[in-house]
Amino acid sequence: MHILLIEDDLDLGRGLQGALKLEGWTSEWLRRAEDAPHRVDATTVDCVLLDLSLPDGSGFDLLARWRRLAASVPVVVITARTAVEDRLSGLDGGADDFVLKPFHTPELFSRIRAVVRRSARQASNTWRIGDLTVEPHRHEASIDGRRLDLSAREFQLLVELARDPGAVMAKGRLSQRLEPLGDPVDFTVIEVHMSNLRKKIGSERIRTVRGVGYMLVP
């Protein structure tokens, strides 16, 4: 999972980035509204952690712009503002959750997982597609209770396909999702890992849509 963190506090930003890394998530940290992307794209970002009080602008303005541009990425607002009006404004403005500072990191991460699950239309941390079970938080997958021995790349591919069974995942989007902080993964590499994944979960579970990408058969 890749997190975009927009927070001006140096200590909090460093601490959160370290905690995110320990959780096994990648992150990009920005400190000013000016540095924030004009729009956020679900093809590269799983969730945004957004501070409302930035040195050169308001997190409210960023959130409003993203939602006007139809960005569907989950946004969790993190702020020291305790007024009910601020929380209501954030939620009404398109935030998916609102966390007050100071907060416990495990609770924040639980909330991140919850909003990402809702975005992916999954009801729990365990995703079930027929007899296939995927547990992103535990980095485990199984078929009929039999644990699958998947490489890190194979598991990443399975998670991306399992986010929306029955929907086609384009190769270009997969290549970006596999390396959110680096160069997109070469299509040939994806094909090799996809071939290996098919052997382990059954070739009939993954359908190739020629010229587009792949689909996990629901």
N, C-alpha and C. Protein backbone atom coordinates (compact mmCIF):
# COMPACT_ATOMS: atom_id res chain seq x y z
N MET A 1 0.85 -1.19 0.00
CA MET A 1 0.00 0.00 0.00
C MET A 1 0.89 1.24 0.00
N HIS A 2 0.49 2.25 -0.77
CA HIS A 2 1.28 3.48 -0.90
C HIS A 2 0.46 4.67 -0.35
N ILE A 3 1.08 5.40 0.58
CA ILE A 3 0.41 6.49 1.28
C ILE A 3 1.04 7.82 0.89
N LEU A 4 0.20 8.81 0.59
CA LEU A 4 0.66 10.18 0.39
C LEU A 4 0.42 10.94 1.69
N LEU A 5 1.49 11.41 2.32
CA LEU A 5 1.41 12.13 3.59
C LEU A 5 1.67 13.61 3.34
N ILE A 6 0.72 14.45 3.72
CA ILE A 6 0.90 15.91 3.59
C ILE A 6 0.79 16.48 4.99
N GLU A 7 1.93 16.80 5.57
CA GLU A 7 2.03 17.20 6.98
C GLU A 7 3.28 18.06 7.15
N ASP A 8 3.13 19.24 7.78
CA ASP A 8 4.27 20.15 7.88
C ASP A 8 5.13 19.92 9.11
N ASP A 9 4.63 19.20 10.11
CA ASP A 9 5.39 18.97 11.33
C ASP A 9 6.52 17.98 11.07
N LEU A 10 7.77 18.41 11.31
CA LEU A 10 8.93 17.57 10.99
C LEU A 10 8.96 16.29 11.82
N ASP A 11 8.77 16.42 13.12
CA ASP A 11 8.85 15.24 13.99
C ASP A 11 7.75 14.25 13.66
N LEU A 12 6.53 14.75 13.48
CA LEU A 12 5.42 13.86 13.17
C LEU A 12 5.60 13.22 11.81
N GLY A 13 6.05 13.99 10.83
CA GLY A 13 6.25 13.45 9.49
C GLY A 13 7.29 12.34 9.48
N ARG A 14 8.43 12.60 10.15
CA ARG A 14 9.48 11.57 10.20
C ARG A 14 8.98 10.32 10.93
N GLY A 15 8.28 10.55 12.05
CA GLY A 15 7.78 9.42 12.81
C GLY A 15 6.78 8.59 12.03
N LEU A 16 5.88 9.26 11.33
CA LEU A 16 4.88 8.54 10.55
C LEU A 16 5.52 7.77 9.40
N GLN A 17 6.47 8.39 8.72
CA GLN A 17 7.13 7.67 7.62
C GLN A 17 7.84 6.42 8.13
N GLY A 18 8.48 6.52 9.28
CA GLY A 18 9.14 5.35 9.85
C GLY A 18 8.15 4.27 10.22
N ALA A 19 7.02 4.67 10.80
CA ALA A 19 6.00 3.69 11.21
C ALA A 19 5.35 3.05 9.98
N LEU A 20 5.13 3.84 8.94
CA LEU A 20 4.55 3.29 7.71
C LEU A 20 5.48 2.25 7.10
N LYS A 21 6.77 2.53 7.14
CA LYS A 21 7.74 1.59 6.58
C LYS A 21 7.73 0.29 7.37
N LEU A 22 7.65 0.38 8.70
CA LEU A 22 7.59 -0.82 9.52
C LEU A 22 6.33 -1.63 9.24
N GLU A 23 5.26 -0.94 8.86
CA GLU A 23 4.01 -1.61 8.54
C GLU A 23 4.09 -2.31 7.18
N GLY A 24 5.15 -2.00 6.44
CA GLY A 24 5.29 -2.60 5.12
C GLY A 24 4.69 -1.76 4.01
N TRP A 25 4.38 -0.48 4.32
CA TRP A 25 3.77 0.41 3.34
C TRP A 25 4.82 1.41 2.86
N THR A 26 4.68 1.83 1.61
CA THR A 26 5.52 2.90 1.08
C THR A 26 4.81 4.23 1.28
N SER A 27 5.57 5.31 1.26
CA SER A 27 4.96 6.62 1.47
C SER A 27 5.77 7.71 0.80
N GLU A 28 5.07 8.79 0.48
CA GLU A 28 5.70 10.03 0.00
C GLU A 28 5.25 11.13 0.93
N TRP A 29 6.20 11.94 1.43
CA TRP A 29 5.89 12.97 2.42
C TRP A 29 6.11 14.35 1.81
N LEU A 30 5.07 15.17 1.86
CA LEU A 30 5.13 16.56 1.41
C LEU A 30 4.76 17.45 2.59
N ARG A 31 5.33 18.68 2.61
CA ARG A 31 5.12 19.55 3.77
C ARG A 31 4.34 20.82 3.44
N ARG A 32 4.11 21.09 2.15
CA ARG A 32 3.41 22.32 1.78
C ARG A 32 2.28 22.03 0.80
N ALA A 33 1.26 22.88 0.86
CA ALA A 33 0.15 22.73 -0.08
C ALA A 33 0.64 22.93 -1.51
N GLU A 34 1.60 23.82 -1.69
CA GLU A 34 2.14 24.10 -3.02
C GLU A 34 2.76 22.86 -3.67
N ASP A 35 3.31 21.97 -2.83
CA ASP A 35 3.97 20.76 -3.35
C ASP A 35 2.99 19.62 -3.61
N ALA A 36 1.77 19.75 -3.13
CA ALA A 36 0.79 18.68 -3.30
C ALA A 36 0.41 18.55 -4.77
N PRO A 37 0.13 17.34 -5.23
CA PRO A 37 -0.27 17.16 -6.64
C PRO A 37 -1.58 17.87 -6.93
N HIS A 38 -1.72 18.32 -8.17
CA HIS A 38 -2.96 19.00 -8.55
C HIS A 38 -4.15 18.09 -8.38
N ARG A 39 -3.93 16.81 -8.66
CA ARG A 39 -4.97 15.81 -8.41
C ARG A 39 -4.29 14.54 -7.92
N VAL A 40 -5.01 13.73 -7.18
CA VAL A 40 -4.46 12.46 -6.72
C VAL A 40 -5.13 11.34 -7.50
N ASP A 41 -4.32 10.35 -7.84
CA ASP A 41 -4.78 9.30 -8.74
C ASP A 41 -4.76 7.96 -8.03
N ALA A 42 -5.88 7.25 -8.05
CA ALA A 42 -5.97 5.96 -7.39
C ALA A 42 -5.06 4.91 -8.02
N THR A 43 -4.52 5.19 -9.20
CA THR A 43 -3.61 4.23 -9.81
C THR A 43 -2.26 4.21 -9.11
N THR A 44 -1.94 5.27 -8.37
CA THR A 44 -0.63 5.33 -7.71
C THR A 44 -0.71 5.52 -6.20
N VAL A 45 -1.83 6.01 -5.67
CA VAL A 45 -1.96 6.29 -4.24
C VAL A 45 -3.15 5.52 -3.67
N ASP A 46 -2.91 4.83 -2.54
CA ASP A 46 -3.99 4.09 -1.89
C ASP A 46 -4.76 4.96 -0.90
N CYS A 47 -4.07 5.89 -0.24
CA CYS A 47 -4.72 6.72 0.77
C CYS A 47 -3.88 7.99 0.98
N VAL A 48 -4.56 9.09 1.29
CA VAL A 48 -3.89 10.35 1.61
C VAL A 48 -4.09 10.66 3.09
N LEU A 49 -3.00 10.98 3.79
CA LEU A 49 -3.08 11.52 5.14
C LEU A 49 -2.86 13.01 5.02
N LEU A 50 -3.87 13.79 5.36
CA LEU A 50 -3.85 15.23 5.06
C LEU A 50 -4.02 16.07 6.31
N ASP A 51 -3.01 16.91 6.58
CA ASP A 51 -3.12 17.89 7.66
C ASP A 51 -3.91 19.09 7.15
N LEU A 52 -4.75 19.66 7.99
CA LEU A 52 -5.56 20.80 7.55
C LEU A 52 -4.79 22.11 7.60
N SER A 53 -3.86 22.25 8.56
CA SER A 53 -3.15 23.52 8.74
C SER A 53 -1.75 23.43 8.17
N LEU A 54 -1.61 23.84 6.92
CA LEU A 54 -0.31 23.82 6.25
C LEU A 54 0.26 25.24 6.21
N PRO A 55 1.57 25.40 6.15
CA PRO A 55 2.17 26.74 6.24
C PRO A 55 1.78 27.67 5.11
N ASP A 56 1.40 27.13 3.96
CA ASP A 56 1.10 27.99 2.82
C ASP A 56 -0.31 27.79 2.28
N GLY A 57 -1.17 27.17 3.07
CA GLY A 57 -2.53 26.97 2.59
C GLY A 57 -3.33 26.05 3.51
N SER A 58 -4.52 25.74 3.07
CA SER A 58 -5.44 24.93 3.86
C SER A 58 -5.62 23.56 3.24
N GLY A 59 -5.60 22.55 4.10
CA GLY A 59 -5.91 21.20 3.62
C GLY A 59 -7.31 21.10 3.08
N PHE A 60 -8.22 21.93 3.61
CA PHE A 60 -9.60 21.96 3.10
C PHE A 60 -9.62 22.28 1.61
N ASP A 61 -8.78 23.25 1.22
CA ASP A 61 -8.75 23.66 -0.19
C ASP A 61 -8.23 22.54 -1.09
N LEU A 62 -7.19 21.84 -0.63
CA LEU A 62 -6.68 20.70 -1.40
C LEU A 62 -7.75 19.64 -1.57
N LEU A 63 -8.41 19.31 -0.47
CA LEU A 63 -9.44 18.27 -0.50
C LEU A 63 -10.57 18.65 -1.44
N ALA A 64 -10.99 19.91 -1.37
CA ALA A 64 -12.08 20.37 -2.23
C ALA A 64 -11.69 20.28 -3.71
N ARG A 65 -10.46 20.65 -4.02
CA ARG A 65 -10.00 20.60 -5.42
C ARG A 65 -9.97 19.16 -5.92
N TRP A 66 -9.42 18.27 -5.09
CA TRP A 66 -9.35 16.86 -5.52
C TRP A 66 -10.73 16.28 -5.78
N ARG A 67 -11.67 16.58 -4.90
CA ARG A 67 -13.00 16.03 -5.07
C ARG A 67 -13.71 16.66 -6.27
N ARG A 68 -13.44 17.93 -6.56
CA ARG A 68 -14.01 18.55 -7.76
C ARG A 68 -13.51 17.85 -9.02
N LEU A 69 -12.27 17.35 -8.94
CA LEU A 69 -11.68 16.66 -10.08
C LEU A 69 -12.02 15.17 -10.06
N ALA A 70 -12.97 14.79 -9.23
CA ALA A 70 -13.50 13.41 -9.17
C ALA A 70 -12.46 12.41 -8.68
N ALA A 71 -11.52 12.86 -7.84
CA ALA A 71 -10.56 11.92 -7.27
C ALA A 71 -11.27 11.04 -6.25
N SER A 72 -11.09 9.73 -6.38
CA SER A 72 -11.78 8.79 -5.50
C SER A 72 -10.87 8.20 -4.42
N VAL A 73 -9.63 8.67 -4.36
CA VAL A 73 -8.68 8.15 -3.37
C VAL A 73 -9.17 8.48 -1.96
N PRO A 74 -9.15 7.49 -1.04
CA PRO A 74 -9.55 7.78 0.34
C PRO A 74 -8.63 8.82 0.98
N VAL A 75 -9.23 9.75 1.72
CA VAL A 75 -8.47 10.80 2.40
C VAL A 75 -8.80 10.76 3.89
N VAL A 76 -7.76 10.61 4.71
CA VAL A 76 -7.91 10.68 6.16
C VAL A 76 -7.30 12.00 6.62
N VAL A 77 -8.12 12.85 7.21
CA VAL A 77 -7.65 14.14 7.72
C VAL A 77 -7.03 13.93 9.09
N ILE A 78 -5.82 14.46 9.30
CA ILE A 78 -5.17 14.43 10.62
C ILE A 78 -4.95 15.87 11.04
N THR A 79 -5.44 16.24 12.19
CA THR A 79 -5.41 17.65 12.59
C THR A 79 -5.49 17.81 14.09
N ALA A 80 -5.01 18.95 14.57
CA ALA A 80 -5.14 19.30 15.98
C ALA A 80 -6.41 20.10 16.25
N ARG A 81 -7.13 20.45 15.20
CA ARG A 81 -8.37 21.22 15.38
C ARG A 81 -9.43 20.33 16.02
N THR A 82 -9.95 20.78 17.15
CA THR A 82 -10.90 19.96 17.90
C THR A 82 -12.35 20.40 17.72
N ALA A 83 -12.57 21.53 17.06
CA ALA A 83 -13.94 22.04 16.91
C ALA A 83 -14.77 21.08 16.06
N VAL A 84 -15.99 20.84 16.52
CA VAL A 84 -16.90 19.96 15.79
C VAL A 84 -17.13 20.48 14.38
N GLU A 85 -17.19 21.80 14.24
CA GLU A 85 -17.44 22.40 12.94
C GLU A 85 -16.35 22.03 11.94
N ASP A 86 -15.09 21.98 12.42
CA ASP A 86 -14.00 21.61 11.53
C ASP A 86 -14.14 20.16 11.07
N ARG A 87 -14.51 19.28 12.00
CA ARG A 87 -14.67 17.88 11.64
C ARG A 87 -15.81 17.70 10.64
N LEU A 88 -16.90 18.39 10.89
CA LEU A 88 -18.03 18.29 9.96
C LEU A 88 -17.68 18.84 8.59
N SER A 89 -16.93 19.95 8.58
CA SER A 89 -16.53 20.54 7.30
C SER A 89 -15.63 19.58 6.53
N GLY A 90 -14.73 18.90 7.24
CA GLY A 90 -13.85 17.96 6.58
C GLY A 90 -14.60 16.78 6.00
N LEU A 91 -15.51 16.21 6.78
CA LEU A 91 -16.27 15.06 6.31
C LEU A 91 -17.23 15.45 5.19
N ASP A 92 -17.90 16.60 5.35
CA ASP A 92 -18.80 17.06 4.29
C ASP A 92 -18.03 17.46 3.03
N GLY A 93 -16.77 17.85 3.21
CA GLY A 93 -15.97 18.26 2.06
C GLY A 93 -15.35 17.11 1.31
N GLY A 94 -15.57 15.88 1.78
CA GLY A 94 -15.08 14.72 1.04
C GLY A 94 -14.06 13.86 1.76
N ALA A 95 -13.73 14.18 3.01
CA ALA A 95 -12.81 13.33 3.76
C ALA A 95 -13.51 12.02 4.11
N ASP A 96 -12.73 10.94 4.14
CA ASP A 96 -13.29 9.63 4.48
C ASP A 96 -13.22 9.35 5.97
N ASP A 97 -12.31 10.03 6.67
CA ASP A 97 -12.21 9.88 8.12
C ASP A 97 -11.48 11.09 8.67
N PHE A 98 -11.55 11.25 9.99
CA PHE A 98 -11.01 12.44 10.65
C PHE A 98 -10.35 11.98 11.94
N VAL A 99 -9.03 12.20 12.08
CA VAL A 99 -8.28 11.75 13.25
C VAL A 99 -7.65 12.96 13.93
N LEU A 100 -7.91 13.08 15.24
CA LEU A 100 -7.39 14.21 16.00
C LEU A 100 -6.00 13.92 16.55
N LYS A 101 -5.13 14.93 16.49
CA LYS A 101 -3.82 14.84 17.12
C LYS A 101 -3.95 15.17 18.60
N PRO A 102 -3.17 14.55 19.45
CA PRO A 102 -2.26 13.41 19.19
C PRO A 102 -3.07 12.12 19.06
N PHE A 103 -2.56 11.21 18.28
CA PHE A 103 -3.26 9.95 18.07
C PHE A 103 -2.29 8.78 18.26
N HIS A 104 -2.85 7.61 18.47
CA HIS A 104 -2.04 6.40 18.55
C HIS A 104 -1.87 5.84 17.13
N THR A 105 -0.63 5.57 16.76
CA THR A 105 -0.35 5.09 15.41
C THR A 105 -1.15 3.85 15.03
N PRO A 106 -1.27 2.84 15.92
CA PRO A 106 -2.06 1.67 15.54
C PRO A 106 -3.51 2.02 15.19
N GLU A 107 -4.09 3.00 15.89
CA GLU A 107 -5.46 3.40 15.57
C GLU A 107 -5.51 4.08 14.20
N LEU A 108 -4.53 4.93 13.92
CA LEU A 108 -4.49 5.59 12.62
C LEU A 108 -4.39 4.56 11.50
N PHE A 109 -3.52 3.57 11.67
CA PHE A 109 -3.34 2.56 10.64
C PHE A 109 -4.61 1.72 10.48
N SER A 110 -5.29 1.46 11.58
CA SER A 110 -6.56 0.73 11.49
C SER A 110 -7.58 1.52 10.68
N ARG A 111 -7.60 2.82 10.88
CA ARG A 111 -8.53 3.67 10.13
C ARG A 111 -8.14 3.71 8.64
N ILE A 112 -6.83 3.73 8.36
CA ILE A 112 -6.39 3.70 6.96
C ILE A 112 -6.89 2.42 6.30
N ARG A 113 -6.68 1.29 6.97
CA ARG A 113 -7.14 0.02 6.40
C ARG A 113 -8.64 0.02 6.18
N ALA A 114 -9.37 0.64 7.11
CA ALA A 114 -10.84 0.66 6.99
C ALA A 114 -11.30 1.47 5.78
N VAL A 115 -10.71 2.66 5.57
CA VAL A 115 -11.15 3.48 4.44
C VAL A 115 -10.72 2.86 3.11
N VAL A 116 -9.56 2.20 3.11
CA VAL A 116 -9.11 1.53 1.88
C VAL A 116 -10.02 0.34 1.57
N ARG A 117 -10.43 -0.39 2.61
CA ARG A 117 -11.36 -1.50 2.41
C ARG A 117 -12.67 -1.00 1.80
N ARG A 118 -13.18 0.10 2.35
CA ARG A 118 -14.44 0.64 1.83
C ARG A 118 -14.27 1.07 0.38
N SER A 119 -13.12 1.66 0.08
CA SER A 119 -12.86 2.10 -1.28
C SER A 119 -12.81 0.92 -2.23
N ALA A 120 -12.26 -0.20 -1.74
CA ALA A 120 -12.16 -1.40 -2.56
C ALA A 120 -13.40 -2.28 -2.45
N ARG A 121 -14.42 -1.78 -1.73
CA ARG A 121 -15.68 -2.50 -1.54
C ARG A 121 -15.46 -3.85 -0.86
N GLN A 122 -14.52 -3.88 0.09
CA GLN A 122 -14.29 -5.09 0.88
C GLN A 122 -14.79 -4.83 2.30
N ALA A 123 -15.49 -5.81 2.87
CA ALA A 123 -16.14 -5.61 4.17
C ALA A 123 -15.20 -5.85 5.34
N SER A 124 -14.09 -6.53 5.12
CA SER A 124 -13.19 -6.84 6.23
C SER A 124 -11.76 -6.93 5.72
N ASN A 125 -10.84 -7.23 6.66
CA ASN A 125 -9.43 -7.39 6.28
C ASN A 125 -9.19 -8.67 5.50
N THR A 126 -10.17 -9.56 5.49
CA THR A 126 -10.06 -10.81 4.75
C THR A 126 -10.94 -10.71 3.51
N TRP A 127 -10.33 -10.80 2.34
CA TRP A 127 -11.06 -10.70 1.08
C TRP A 127 -11.31 -12.11 0.55
N ARG A 128 -12.54 -12.41 0.23
CA ARG A 128 -12.88 -13.75 -0.25
C ARG A 128 -13.46 -13.66 -1.66
N ILE A 129 -12.84 -14.37 -2.56
CA ILE A 129 -13.30 -14.47 -3.94
C ILE A 129 -13.49 -15.96 -4.21
N GLY A 130 -14.70 -16.45 -4.02
CA GLY A 130 -14.95 -17.89 -4.11
C GLY A 130 -14.18 -18.60 -3.02
N ASP A 131 -13.39 -19.63 -3.39
CA ASP A 131 -12.60 -20.35 -2.39
C ASP A 131 -11.21 -19.74 -2.20
N LEU A 132 -10.96 -18.63 -2.87
CA LEU A 132 -9.68 -17.91 -2.73
C LEU A 132 -9.82 -16.85 -1.64
N THR A 133 -8.90 -16.85 -0.69
CA THR A 133 -8.90 -15.88 0.40
C THR A 133 -7.60 -15.08 0.35
N VAL A 134 -7.73 -13.75 0.43
CA VAL A 134 -6.57 -12.86 0.42
C VAL A 134 -6.63 -12.00 1.67
N GLU A 135 -5.51 -11.96 2.39
CA GLU A 135 -5.42 -11.14 3.61
C GLU A 135 -4.25 -10.16 3.44
N PRO A 136 -4.52 -8.98 2.87
CA PRO A 136 -3.43 -8.03 2.59
C PRO A 136 -2.64 -7.64 3.83
N HIS A 137 -3.33 -7.45 4.96
CA HIS A 137 -2.64 -7.00 6.18
C HIS A 137 -1.63 -8.04 6.67
N ARG A 138 -1.95 -9.32 6.49
CA ARG A 138 -1.06 -10.40 6.95
C ARG A 138 -0.15 -10.93 5.85
N HIS A 139 -0.31 -10.39 4.64
CA HIS A 139 0.48 -10.83 3.49
C HIS A 139 0.33 -12.34 3.27
N GLU A 140 -0.93 -12.80 3.32
CA GLU A 140 -1.20 -14.22 3.15
C GLU A 140 -2.36 -14.42 2.18
N ALA A 141 -2.32 -15.56 1.48
CA ALA A 141 -3.42 -15.94 0.59
C ALA A 141 -3.56 -17.46 0.67
N SER A 142 -4.78 -17.94 0.49
CA SER A 142 -5.01 -19.37 0.58
C SER A 142 -6.16 -19.76 -0.33
N ILE A 143 -6.21 -21.05 -0.66
CA ILE A 143 -7.31 -21.64 -1.43
C ILE A 143 -7.86 -22.80 -0.63
N ASP A 144 -9.13 -22.73 -0.27
CA ASP A 144 -9.75 -23.77 0.56
C ASP A 144 -8.95 -24.04 1.83
N GLY A 145 -8.41 -22.95 2.41
CA GLY A 145 -7.67 -23.08 3.65
C GLY A 145 -6.22 -23.48 3.47
N ARG A 146 -5.79 -23.79 2.25
CA ARG A 146 -4.41 -24.18 1.99
C ARG A 146 -3.61 -22.94 1.64
N ARG A 147 -2.63 -22.62 2.48
CA ARG A 147 -1.85 -21.40 2.29
C ARG A 147 -1.02 -21.48 1.02
N LEU A 148 -1.01 -20.40 0.26
CA LEU A 148 -0.25 -20.33 -0.98
C LEU A 148 1.15 -19.79 -0.73
N ASP A 149 2.13 -20.38 -1.35
CA ASP A 149 3.51 -19.93 -1.23
C ASP A 149 3.80 -18.95 -2.38
N LEU A 150 3.54 -17.67 -2.12
CA LEU A 150 3.69 -16.65 -3.16
C LEU A 150 4.90 -15.77 -2.87
N SER A 151 5.59 -15.38 -3.94
CA SER A 151 6.66 -14.40 -3.78
C SER A 151 6.03 -13.04 -3.49
N ALA A 152 6.86 -12.08 -3.09
CA ALA A 152 6.35 -10.74 -2.78
C ALA A 152 5.66 -10.12 -3.99
N ARG A 153 6.25 -10.27 -5.17
CA ARG A 153 5.67 -9.71 -6.39
C ARG A 153 4.36 -10.40 -6.74
N GLU A 154 4.35 -11.74 -6.62
CA GLU A 154 3.13 -12.47 -6.92
C GLU A 154 2.00 -12.05 -6.00
N PHE A 155 2.31 -11.86 -4.73
CA PHE A 155 1.27 -11.44 -3.79
C PHE A 155 0.79 -10.03 -4.12
N GLN A 156 1.70 -9.14 -4.47
CA GLN A 156 1.30 -7.78 -4.87
C GLN A 156 0.33 -7.83 -6.04
N LEU A 157 0.64 -8.63 -7.04
CA LEU A 157 -0.24 -8.75 -8.21
C LEU A 157 -1.61 -9.28 -7.80
N LEU A 158 -1.63 -10.29 -6.95
CA LEU A 158 -2.90 -10.86 -6.51
C LEU A 158 -3.74 -9.84 -5.77
N VAL A 159 -3.11 -9.06 -4.90
CA VAL A 159 -3.85 -8.04 -4.14
C VAL A 159 -4.46 -7.01 -5.08
N GLU A 160 -3.69 -6.55 -6.07
CA GLU A 160 -4.21 -5.55 -6.99
C GLU A 160 -5.40 -6.09 -7.79
N LEU A 161 -5.33 -7.34 -8.23
CA LEU A 161 -6.44 -7.92 -8.98
C LEU A 161 -7.64 -8.18 -8.07
N ALA A 162 -7.37 -8.52 -6.80
CA ALA A 162 -8.45 -8.85 -5.87
C ALA A 162 -9.20 -7.62 -5.36
N ARG A 163 -8.64 -6.43 -5.59
CA ARG A 163 -9.34 -5.22 -5.16
C ARG A 163 -10.71 -5.09 -5.83
N ASP A 164 -10.79 -5.55 -7.06
CA ASP A 164 -12.05 -5.41 -7.81
C ASP A 164 -12.22 -6.61 -8.74
N PRO A 165 -12.59 -7.77 -8.19
CA PRO A 165 -12.76 -8.97 -9.02
C PRO A 165 -13.77 -8.72 -10.14
N GLY A 166 -13.44 -9.20 -11.32
CA GLY A 166 -14.32 -9.01 -12.46
C GLY A 166 -14.02 -7.77 -13.26
N ALA A 167 -13.16 -6.89 -12.72
CA ALA A 167 -12.76 -5.68 -13.44
C ALA A 167 -11.38 -5.89 -14.05
N VAL A 168 -11.17 -5.33 -15.21
CA VAL A 168 -9.88 -5.48 -15.88
C VAL A 168 -8.88 -4.47 -15.32
N MET A 169 -7.71 -4.97 -14.91
CA MET A 169 -6.63 -4.12 -14.44
C MET A 169 -5.62 -3.96 -15.57
N ALA A 170 -5.48 -2.73 -16.05
CA ALA A 170 -4.57 -2.47 -17.16
C ALA A 170 -3.12 -2.72 -16.76
N LYS A 171 -2.33 -3.16 -17.72
CA LYS A 171 -0.92 -3.42 -17.45
C LYS A 171 -0.20 -2.16 -16.97
N GLY A 172 -0.54 -1.03 -17.59
CA GLY A 172 0.11 0.22 -17.20
C GLY A 172 -0.15 0.57 -15.74
N ARG A 173 -1.38 0.33 -15.30
CA ARG A 173 -1.71 0.62 -13.91
C ARG A 173 -0.99 -0.36 -12.98
N LEU A 174 -0.94 -1.62 -13.37
CA LEU A 174 -0.23 -2.61 -12.56
C LEU A 174 1.25 -2.24 -12.42
N SER A 175 1.86 -1.80 -13.50
CA SER A 175 3.29 -1.48 -13.46
C SER A 175 3.56 -0.32 -12.50
N GLN A 176 2.62 0.63 -12.40
CA GLN A 176 2.79 1.74 -11.47
C GLN A 176 2.52 1.32 -10.04
N ARG A 177 1.52 0.47 -9.84
CA ARG A 177 1.16 0.03 -8.50
C ARG A 177 2.28 -0.79 -7.86
N LEU A 178 3.01 -1.54 -8.67
CA LEU A 178 4.06 -2.39 -8.11
C LEU A 178 5.27 -1.59 -7.63
N GLU A 179 5.50 -0.42 -8.22
CA GLU A 179 6.62 0.43 -7.82
C GLU A 179 6.17 1.88 -7.73
N PRO A 180 5.40 2.25 -6.70
CA PRO A 180 4.86 3.62 -6.63
C PRO A 180 5.92 4.70 -6.47
N LEU A 181 7.10 4.34 -5.97
CA LEU A 181 8.15 5.34 -5.76
C LEU A 181 9.28 5.25 -6.78
N GLY A 182 9.19 4.30 -7.69
CA GLY A 182 10.26 4.14 -8.67
C GLY A 182 9.73 4.09 -10.08
N ASP A 183 10.58 3.63 -10.98
CA ASP A 183 10.16 3.49 -12.37
C ASP A 183 9.13 2.37 -12.48
N PRO A 184 8.11 2.55 -13.33
CA PRO A 184 7.11 1.49 -13.52
C PRO A 184 7.77 0.18 -13.91
N VAL A 185 7.22 -0.91 -13.42
CA VAL A 185 7.77 -2.23 -13.71
C VAL A 185 7.54 -2.57 -15.18
N ASP A 186 8.55 -3.12 -15.82
CA ASP A 186 8.46 -3.49 -17.22
C ASP A 186 7.36 -4.53 -17.44
N PHE A 187 6.63 -4.39 -18.54
CA PHE A 187 5.52 -5.30 -18.83
C PHE A 187 5.98 -6.75 -18.91
N THR A 188 7.17 -6.98 -19.44
CA THR A 188 7.69 -8.34 -19.56
C THR A 188 7.85 -8.98 -18.18
N VAL A 189 8.31 -8.18 -17.22
CA VAL A 189 8.47 -8.67 -15.85
C VAL A 189 7.11 -9.03 -15.26
N ILE A 190 6.12 -8.18 -15.52
CA ILE A 190 4.77 -8.46 -15.03
C ILE A 190 4.26 -9.77 -15.61
N GLU A 191 4.50 -9.98 -16.90
CA GLU A 191 4.02 -11.21 -17.54
C GLU A 191 4.65 -12.45 -16.91
N VAL A 192 5.93 -12.36 -16.56
CA VAL A 192 6.60 -13.50 -15.93
C VAL A 192 5.98 -13.80 -14.57
N HIS A 193 5.82 -12.75 -13.75
CA HIS A 193 5.23 -12.96 -12.42
C HIS A 193 3.78 -13.42 -12.52
N MET A 194 3.05 -12.90 -13.50
CA MET A 194 1.66 -13.31 -13.67
C MET A 194 1.58 -14.78 -14.07
N SER A 195 2.50 -15.22 -14.90
CA SER A 195 2.54 -16.63 -15.29
C SER A 195 2.78 -17.52 -14.08
N ASN A 196 3.71 -17.12 -13.23
CA ASN A 196 3.99 -17.89 -12.02
C ASN A 196 2.80 -17.90 -11.07
N LEU A 197 2.12 -16.73 -10.96
CA LEU A 197 0.94 -16.65 -10.09
C LEU A 197 -0.16 -17.58 -10.59
N ARG A 198 -0.35 -17.61 -11.89
CA ARG A 198 -1.36 -18.49 -12.47
C ARG A 198 -1.10 -19.96 -12.10
N LYS A 199 0.15 -20.36 -12.16
CA LYS A 199 0.50 -21.75 -11.84
C LYS A 199 0.13 -22.10 -10.40
N LYS A 200 0.21 -21.10 -9.52
CA LYS A 200 -0.01 -21.36 -8.10
C LYS A 200 -1.47 -21.28 -7.68
N ILE A 201 -2.27 -20.45 -8.37
CA ILE A 201 -3.67 -20.31 -7.96
C ILE A 201 -4.64 -20.92 -8.96
N GLY A 202 -4.11 -21.35 -10.11
CA GLY A 202 -4.98 -21.92 -11.14
C GLY A 202 -5.15 -20.95 -12.29
N SER A 203 -4.80 -21.39 -13.49
CA SER A 203 -4.81 -20.49 -14.64
C SER A 203 -6.20 -19.95 -14.95
N GLU A 204 -7.25 -20.71 -14.56
CA GLU A 204 -8.61 -20.28 -14.88
C GLU A 204 -9.05 -19.09 -14.04
N ARG A 205 -8.32 -18.77 -12.98
CA ARG A 205 -8.72 -17.67 -12.10
C ARG A 205 -8.31 -16.30 -12.64
N ILE A 206 -7.33 -16.27 -13.54
CA ILE A 206 -6.87 -14.99 -14.08
C ILE A 206 -7.06 -15.00 -15.59
N ARG A 207 -7.82 -14.04 -16.06
CA ARG A 207 -8.11 -13.95 -17.49
C ARG A 207 -7.30 -12.80 -18.09
N THR A 208 -6.67 -13.09 -19.22
CA THR A 208 -5.94 -12.05 -19.95
C THR A 208 -6.88 -11.38 -20.95
N VAL A 209 -6.96 -10.06 -20.88
CA VAL A 209 -7.73 -9.29 -21.85
C VAL A 209 -6.71 -8.71 -22.82
N ARG A 210 -6.63 -9.29 -23.98
CA ARG A 210 -5.57 -8.98 -24.92
C ARG A 210 -5.49 -7.47 -25.23
N GLY A 211 -4.28 -6.95 -25.11
CA GLY A 211 -4.05 -5.55 -25.41
C GLY A 211 -4.44 -4.60 -24.29
N VAL A 212 -4.99 -5.15 -23.18
CA VAL A 212 -5.42 -4.28 -22.08
C VAL A 212 -4.74 -4.67 -20.78
N GLY A 213 -5.05 -5.86 -20.27
CA GLY A 213 -4.48 -6.25 -19.00
C GLY A 213 -5.04 -7.57 -18.51
N TYR A 214 -5.32 -7.64 -17.19
CA TYR A 214 -5.71 -8.89 -16.57
C TYR A 214 -6.94 -8.68 -15.68
N MET A 215 -7.67 -9.79 -15.45
CA MET A 215 -8.85 -9.75 -14.61
C MET A 215 -8.88 -10.98 -13.73
N LEU A 216 -9.16 -10.79 -12.43
CA LEU A 216 -9.39 -11.91 -11.54
C LEU A 216 -10.84 -12.34 -11.70
N VAL A 217 -11.03 -13.59 -12.09
CA VAL A 217 -12.39 -14.07 -12.36
C VAL A 217 -13.14 -14.21 -11.04
N PRO A 218 -14.27 -13.54 -10.85
CA PRO A 218 -14.99 -13.62 -9.58
C PRO A 218 -15.70 -14.95 -9.42
